């Protein structure tokens, strides 16, 4: 996915792994909710 975004002329692209999303957005949740490991996120800028 990162390669595809760069090929589409995005200036910068990076993969955001589930571990990073867990630390950033799900830490300390009392209900144990976690992001899916089946999903991949890519952040891209123009």
PDB file of N, CA and C in Angstrom:
ATOM      1  N   UNK A   1       0.817  -1.196   0.000  1.00  0.00           N
ATOM      2  CA  UNK A   1       0.000   0.000   0.000  1.00  0.00           C
ATOM      3  C   UNK A   1       0.861   1.260   0.000  1.00  0.00           C
ATOM      4  N   UNK A   2       1.931   1.254   0.761  1.00  0.00           N
ATOM      5  CA  UNK A   2       2.808   2.427   0.798  1.00  0.00           C
ATOM      6  C   UNK A   2       3.387   2.682  -0.586  1.00  0.00           C
ATOM      7  N   UNK A   3       3.833   1.639  -1.246  1.00  0.00           N
ATOM      8  CA  UNK A   3       4.389   1.802  -2.594  1.00  0.00           C
ATOM      9  C   UNK A   3       3.335   2.347  -3.554  1.00  0.00           C
ATOM     10  N   UNK A   4       2.118   1.868  -3.446  1.00  0.00           N
ATOM     11  CA  UNK A   4       1.049   2.354  -4.323  1.00  0.00           C
ATOM     12  C   UNK A   4       0.760   3.831  -4.097  1.00  0.00           C
ATOM     13  N   UNK A   5       0.775   4.272  -2.852  1.00  0.00           N
ATOM     14  CA  UNK A   5       0.511   5.682  -2.592  1.00  0.00           C
ATOM     15  C   UNK A   5       1.637   6.554  -3.134  1.00  0.00           C
ATOM     16  N   UNK A   6       2.859   6.089  -3.014  1.00  0.00           N
ATOM     17  CA  UNK A   6       3.983   6.855  -3.574  1.00  0.00           C
ATOM     18  C   UNK A   6       3.915   6.893  -5.094  1.00  0.00           C
ATOM     19  N   UNK A   7       3.531   5.783  -5.692  1.00  0.00           N
ATOM     20  CA  UNK A   7       3.365   5.745  -7.148  1.00  0.00           C
ATOM     21  C   UNK A   7       2.250   6.689  -7.603  1.00  0.00           C
ATOM     22  N   UNK A   8       1.293   6.963  -6.733  1.00  0.00           N
ATOM     23  CA  UNK A   8       0.192   7.879  -7.041  1.00  0.00           C
ATOM     24  C   UNK A   8       0.565   9.328  -6.741  1.00  0.00           C
ATOM     25  N   UNK A   9       1.850   9.572  -6.559  1.00  0.00           N
ATOM     26  CA  UNK A   9       2.413  10.919  -6.362  1.00  0.00           C
ATOM     27  C   UNK A   9       2.127  11.554  -5.012  1.00  0.00           C
ATOM     28  N   UNK A  10       1.860  10.727  -3.996  1.00  0.00           N
ATOM     29  CA  UNK A  10       1.821  11.282  -2.651  1.00  0.00           C
ATOM     30  C   UNK A  10       3.251  11.538  -2.213  1.00  0.00           C
ATOM     31  N   UNK A  11       3.489  12.660  -1.570  1.00  0.00           N
ATOM     32  CA  UNK A  11       4.843  13.043  -1.180  1.00  0.00           C
ATOM     33  C   UNK A  11       5.422  12.105  -0.126  1.00  0.00           C
ATOM     34  N   UNK A  12       4.584  11.748   0.832  1.00  0.00           N
ATOM     35  CA  UNK A  12       5.061  10.899   1.926  1.00  0.00           C
ATOM     36  C   UNK A  12       3.966   9.900   2.264  1.00  0.00           C
ATOM     37  N   UNK A  13       4.365   8.700   2.597  1.00  0.00           N
ATOM     38  CA  UNK A  13       3.405   7.671   3.006  1.00  0.00           C
ATOM     39  C   UNK A  13       4.080   6.762   4.021  1.00  0.00           C
ATOM     40  N   UNK A  14       3.310   6.379   5.016  1.00  0.00           N
ATOM     41  CA  UNK A  14       3.848   5.429   6.003  1.00  0.00           C
ATOM     42  C   UNK A  14       2.728   4.544   6.515  1.00  0.00           C
ATOM     43  N   UNK A  15       3.089   3.342   6.820  1.00  0.00           N
ATOM     44  CA  UNK A  15       2.175   2.353   7.391  1.00  0.00           C
ATOM     45  C   UNK A  15       2.052   2.615   8.885  1.00  0.00           C
ATOM     46  N   UNK A  16       0.854   2.480   9.418  1.00  0.00           N
ATOM     47  CA  UNK A  16       0.625   2.651  10.856  1.00  0.00           C
ATOM     48  C   UNK A  16       0.212   1.288  11.401  1.00  0.00           C
ATOM     49  N   UNK A  17       1.146   0.567  12.036  1.00  0.00           N
ATOM     50  CA  UNK A  17       0.843  -0.775  12.520  1.00  0.00           C
ATOM     51  C   UNK A  17      -0.138  -0.780  13.692  1.00  0.00           C
ATOM     52  N   UNK A  18      -0.778  -1.913  13.898  1.00  0.00           N
ATOM     53  CA  UNK A  18      -1.764  -2.060  14.978  1.00  0.00           C
ATOM     54  C   UNK A  18      -1.148  -1.742  16.336  1.00  0.00           C
ATOM     55  N   UNK A  19       0.107  -2.094  16.547  1.00  0.00           N
ATOM     56  CA  UNK A  19       0.753  -1.832  17.834  1.00  0.00           C
ATOM     57  C   UNK A  19       0.802  -0.331  18.133  1.00  0.00           C
ATOM     58  N   UNK A  20       1.100   0.459  17.108  1.00  0.00           N
ATOM     59  CA  UNK A  20       1.148   1.910  17.301  1.00  0.00           C
ATOM     60  C   UNK A  20      -0.243   2.469  17.570  1.00  0.00           C
ATOM     61  N   UNK A  21      -1.229   1.997  16.845  1.00  0.00           N
ATOM     62  CA  UNK A  21      -2.603   2.451  17.071  1.00  0.00           C
ATOM     63  C   UNK A  21      -3.074   2.067  18.471  1.00  0.00           C
ATOM     64  N   UNK A  22      -2.695   0.876  18.913  1.00  0.00           N
ATOM     65  CA  UNK A  22      -3.069   0.431  20.257  1.00  0.00           C
ATOM     66  C   UNK A  22      -2.480   1.360  21.307  1.00  0.00           C
ATOM     67  N   UNK A  23      -1.182   1.643  21.201  1.00  0.00           N
ATOM     68  CA  UNK A  23      -0.525   2.540  22.170  1.00  0.00           C
ATOM     69  C   UNK A  23      -1.142   3.935  22.145  1.00  0.00           C
ATOM     70  N   UNK A  24      -1.405   4.431  20.949  1.00  0.00           N
ATOM     71  CA  UNK A  24      -1.842   5.812  20.805  1.00  0.00           C
ATOM     72  C   UNK A  24      -3.307   6.039  21.166  1.00  0.00           C
ATOM     73  N   UNK A  25      -4.177   5.144  20.750  1.00  0.00           N
ATOM     74  CA  UNK A  25      -5.606   5.397  20.868  1.00  0.00           C
ATOM     75  C   UNK A  25      -6.360   4.456  21.812  1.00  0.00           C
ATOM     76  N   UNK A  26      -5.756   3.343  22.195  1.00  0.00           N
ATOM     77  CA  UNK A  26      -6.493   2.350  22.966  1.00  0.00           C
ATOM     78  C   UNK A  26      -5.873   2.047  24.330  1.00  0.00           C
ATOM     79  N   UNK A  27      -4.779   2.666  24.662  1.00  0.00           N
ATOM     80  CA  UNK A  27      -4.107   2.393  25.938  1.00  0.00           C
ATOM     81  C   UNK A  27      -5.008   2.772  27.113  1.00  0.00           C
ATOM     82  N   UNK A  28      -5.022   1.932  28.109  1.00  0.00           N
ATOM     83  CA  UNK A  28      -5.745   2.233  29.333  1.00  0.00           C
ATOM     84  C   UNK A  28      -7.248   2.055  29.272  1.00  0.00           C
ATOM     85  N   UNK A  29      -7.749   1.476  28.202  1.00  0.00           N
ATOM     86  CA  UNK A  29      -9.207   1.273  28.110  1.00  0.00           C
ATOM     87  C   UNK A  29      -9.628   0.185  29.075  1.00  0.00           C
ATOM     88  N   UNK A  30     -10.665   0.437  29.827  1.00  0.00           N
ATOM     89  CA  UNK A  30     -11.139  -0.550  30.794  1.00  0.00           C
ATOM     90  C   UNK A  30     -11.927  -1.678  30.139  1.00  0.00           C
ATOM     91  N   UNK A  31     -12.399  -1.451  28.900  1.00  0.00           N
ATOM     92  CA  UNK A  31     -13.189  -2.490  28.229  1.00  0.00           C
ATOM     93  C   UNK A  31     -12.344  -3.427  27.367  1.00  0.00           C
ATOM     94  N   UNK A  32     -11.037  -3.165  27.261  1.00  0.00           N
ATOM     95  CA  UNK A  32     -10.147  -4.043  26.517  1.00  0.00           C
ATOM     96  C   UNK A  32     -10.240  -3.931  24.999  1.00  0.00           C
ATOM     97  N   UNK A  33     -10.973  -2.945  24.493  1.00  0.00           N
ATOM     98  CA  UNK A  33     -11.108  -2.774  23.047  1.00  0.00           C
ATOM     99  C   UNK A  33      -9.758  -2.519  22.412  1.00  0.00           C
ATOM    100  N   UNK A  34      -9.494  -3.193  21.315  1.00  0.00           N
ATOM    101  CA  UNK A  34      -8.241  -3.055  20.574  1.00  0.00           C
ATOM    102  C   UNK A  34      -8.553  -2.948  19.085  1.00  0.00           C
ATOM    103  N   UNK A  35      -7.647  -2.319  18.294  1.00  0.00           N
ATOM    104  CA  UNK A  35      -7.873  -2.256  16.852  1.00  0.00           C
ATOM    105  C   UNK A  35      -7.679  -3.630  16.211  1.00  0.00           C
ATOM    106  N   UNK A  36      -8.315  -3.824  15.086  1.00  0.00           N
ATOM    107  CA  UNK A  36      -8.178  -5.074  14.350  1.00  0.00           C
ATOM    108  C   UNK A  36      -6.771  -5.212  13.795  1.00  0.00           C
ATOM    109  N   UNK A  37      -6.208  -6.398  13.911  1.00  0.00           N
ATOM    110  CA  UNK A  37      -4.903  -6.652  13.328  1.00  0.00           C
ATOM    111  C   UNK A  37      -5.032  -7.006  11.848  1.00  0.00           C
ATOM    112  N   UNK A  38      -6.262  -7.205  11.382  1.00  0.00           N
ATOM    113  CA  UNK A  38      -6.493  -7.541   9.980  1.00  0.00           C
ATOM    114  C   UNK A  38      -6.507  -6.298   9.101  1.00  0.00           C
ATOM    115  N   UNK A  39      -6.586  -5.127   9.699  1.00  0.00           N
ATOM    116  CA  UNK A  39      -6.621  -3.876   8.939  1.00  0.00           C
ATOM    117  C   UNK A  39      -5.242  -3.258   8.880  1.00  0.00           C
ATOM    118  N   UNK A  40      -4.928  -2.674   7.759  1.00  0.00           N
ATOM    119  CA  UNK A  40      -3.694  -1.917   7.611  1.00  0.00           C
ATOM    120  C   UNK A  40      -4.073  -0.484   7.319  1.00  0.00           C
ATOM    121  N   UNK A  41      -3.439   0.444   7.985  1.00  0.00           N
ATOM    122  CA  UNK A  41      -3.654   1.853   7.734  1.00  0.00           C
ATOM    123  C   UNK A  41      -2.404   2.468   7.130  1.00  0.00           C
ATOM    124  N   UNK A  42      -2.605   3.344   6.170  1.00  0.00           N
ATOM    125  CA  UNK A  42      -1.512   4.102   5.570  1.00  0.00           C
ATOM    126  C   UNK A  42      -1.880   5.567   5.677  1.00  0.00           C
ATOM    127  N   UNK A  43      -0.946   6.351   6.171  1.00  0.00           N
ATOM    128  CA  UNK A  43      -1.115   7.791   6.247  1.00  0.00           C
ATOM    129  C   UNK A  43      -0.276   8.391   5.123  1.00  0.00           C
ATOM    130  N   UNK A  44      -0.913   9.193   4.278  1.00  0.00           N
ATOM    131  CA  UNK A  44      -0.199   9.776   3.134  1.00  0.00           C
ATOM    132  C   UNK A  44      -0.481  11.276   3.063  1.00  0.00           C
ATOM    133  N   UNK A  45       0.528  12.020   2.647  1.00  0.00           N
ATOM    134  CA  UNK A  45       0.375  13.466   2.474  1.00  0.00           C
ATOM    135  C   UNK A  45       0.766  13.843   1.051  1.00  0.00           C
ATOM    136  N   UNK A  46       0.193  14.950   0.597  1.00  0.00           N
ATOM    137  CA  UNK A  46       0.490  15.420  -0.754  1.00  0.00           C
ATOM    138  C   UNK A  46       1.526  16.507  -0.738  1.00  0.00           C
TER     139      UNK A  46
END
